[in-house]
Amino acid sequence: MELMLASALGVVTAAGVYLLLQARTFSVVLGLSLLSYAANVFIFVMGRLAVGAPPVIDAATTRYSDPLPQALVLTAIVIGFGMTAFLVGLAVRAHHETGTDHVDGGETHGGDERVRQVSQ
């Protein structure tokens, strides 16, 4: 089970890094999302969750689950959604300004803009 989870986490991380290194903004946003998911799962797994154990320490309970990783992952999910929304808005604005979804903004689609740039 541990080997399968570690392998899956490695595959998700590798896919996130691969997409992050692409030249298109959608791929970059998707890669950052995959990296944040991989980090969340890593933090969640490192918390050694116990199935059926309460996250609150009580005098009557002998087994409990550590609530700190759960709180960290919940906070990271909220921050990840905010970051993704910001990056999508930034990508839409950059596409509107440059006419392309290339990260550097150097590549244009269509011949009209090239003709316009040469004539100026």
Protein backbone atom coordinates (compact mmCIF):
# COMPACT_ATOMS: atom_id res chain seq x y z
CA MET A 1 0.00 0.00 0.00
CA GLU A 2 2.79 2.42 0.89
CA LEU A 3 4.66 1.66 -2.33
CA MET A 4 1.52 2.23 -4.40
CA LEU A 5 0.77 5.53 -2.66
CA ALA A 6 4.36 6.74 -3.00
CA SER A 7 4.40 5.79 -6.69
CA ALA A 8 1.10 7.55 -7.35
CA LEU A 9 2.36 10.63 -5.52
CA GLY A 10 5.55 10.58 -7.61
CA VAL A 11 3.57 10.29 -10.84
CA VAL A 12 1.30 13.21 -9.92
CA THR A 13 4.32 15.31 -8.94
CA ALA A 14 6.18 14.43 -12.15
CA ALA A 15 3.11 15.27 -14.25
CA GLY A 16 2.77 18.60 -12.41
CA VAL A 17 6.42 19.51 -13.01
CA TYR A 18 6.16 18.48 -16.68
CA LEU A 19 3.08 20.64 -17.19
CA LEU A 20 4.66 23.50 -15.25
CA LEU A 21 7.56 23.59 -17.72
CA GLN A 22 5.32 23.92 -20.77
CA ALA A 23 5.05 27.17 -22.70
CA ARG A 24 1.26 27.57 -22.51
CA THR A 25 -0.52 29.24 -19.61
CA PHE A 26 -3.23 26.58 -19.28
CA SER A 27 -0.56 23.90 -18.87
CA VAL A 28 1.19 25.99 -16.24
CA VAL A 29 -2.03 26.47 -14.25
CA LEU A 30 -2.82 22.76 -14.50
CA GLY A 31 0.74 21.86 -13.42
CA LEU A 32 0.55 24.11 -10.38
CA SER A 33 -2.78 22.54 -9.44
CA LEU A 34 -1.32 19.03 -9.71
CA LEU A 35 1.67 20.04 -7.61
CA SER A 36 -0.59 21.48 -4.92
CA TYR A 37 -2.69 18.28 -4.93
CA ALA A 38 0.46 16.19 -4.57
CA ALA A 39 1.67 18.35 -1.68
CA ASN A 40 -1.73 18.08 0.03
CA VAL A 41 -1.77 14.29 -0.27
CA PHE A 42 1.82 14.15 1.00
CA ILE A 43 0.97 16.21 4.08
CA PHE A 44 -2.20 14.17 4.64
CA VAL A 45 -0.32 10.86 4.43
CA MET A 46 2.49 12.02 6.68
CA GLY A 47 -0.09 12.72 9.40
CA ARG A 48 -0.63 8.94 9.83
CA LEU A 49 -4.38 9.07 9.93
CA ALA A 50 -6.13 6.41 11.95
CA VAL A 51 -9.42 5.16 10.52
CA GLY A 52 -12.33 5.62 12.89
CA ALA A 53 -10.26 7.54 15.45
CA PRO A 54 -11.50 10.96 16.59
CA PRO A 55 -9.31 14.00 15.89
CA VAL A 56 -9.93 15.35 19.40
CA ILE A 57 -7.96 14.11 22.39
CA ASP A 58 -10.21 12.97 25.20
CA ALA A 59 -9.47 11.22 28.46
CA ALA A 60 -11.62 8.23 27.45
CA THR A 61 -10.01 7.66 24.04
CA THR A 62 -6.84 5.66 23.61
CA ARG A 63 -6.48 6.18 19.85
CA TYR A 64 -6.79 9.52 18.18
CA SER A 65 -5.94 11.13 14.86
CA ASP A 66 -3.61 14.13 14.73
CA PRO A 67 -5.75 17.15 13.71
CA LEU A 68 -2.81 19.32 12.60
CA PRO A 69 -2.25 17.71 9.15
CA GLN A 70 -5.98 17.89 8.49
CA ALA A 71 -6.03 21.59 9.32
CA LEU A 72 -2.93 22.22 7.19
CA VAL A 73 -4.41 20.41 4.19
CA LEU A 74 -7.72 22.25 4.53
CA THR A 75 -5.87 25.57 4.62
CA ALA A 76 -3.72 24.55 1.65
CA ILE A 77 -6.81 23.61 -0.37
CA VAL A 78 -8.35 27.04 0.20
CA ILE A 79 -5.10 28.79 -0.69
CA GLY A 80 -4.76 26.56 -3.77
CA PHE A 81 -8.22 27.53 -5.01
CA GLY A 82 -7.41 31.20 -4.55
CA MET A 83 -4.08 30.82 -6.34
CA THR A 84 -5.71 28.95 -9.22
CA ALA A 85 -8.44 31.58 -9.59
CA PHE A 86 -5.83 34.35 -9.60
CA LEU A 87 -3.67 32.56 -12.19
CA VAL A 88 -6.65 31.87 -14.46
CA GLY A 89 -7.64 35.55 -14.27
CA LEU A 90 -4.07 36.57 -14.99
CA ALA A 91 -3.88 34.17 -17.94
CA VAL A 92 -7.16 35.44 -19.39
CA ARG A 93 -5.95 39.04 -19.09
CA ALA A 94 -2.59 38.18 -20.66
CA HIS A 95 -4.35 36.38 -23.52
CA HIS A 96 -6.56 39.41 -24.04
CA GLU A 97 -3.57 41.79 -24.08
CA THR A 98 -1.12 39.74 -26.17
CA GLY A 99 -3.47 37.67 -28.31
CA THR A 100 -1.69 34.42 -27.39
CA ASP A 101 -1.57 31.99 -24.51
CA HIS A 102 2.20 31.61 -24.68
CA VAL A 103 3.91 32.25 -21.36
CA ASP A 104 6.42 34.71 -22.81
CA GLY A 105 3.82 36.40 -25.00
CA GLY A 106 6.18 36.19 -27.98
CA GLU A 107 4.16 33.85 -30.15
CA THR A 108 1.08 35.20 -31.96
CA HIS A 109 -1.77 33.44 -33.72
CA GLY A 110 -2.84 34.61 -37.14
CA GLY A 111 -1.18 36.80 -39.75
CA ASP A 112 -3.03 40.06 -39.02
CA GLU A 113 -0.98 40.96 -35.96
CA ARG A 114 2.31 40.18 -37.68
CA VAL A 115 1.38 42.44 -40.57
CA ARG A 116 0.31 45.14 -38.14
CA GLN A 117 3.59 44.89 -36.21
CA VAL A 118 5.72 45.05 -39.37
CA SER A 119 3.82 48.05 -40.75
CA GLN A 120 4.31 50.05 -37.57
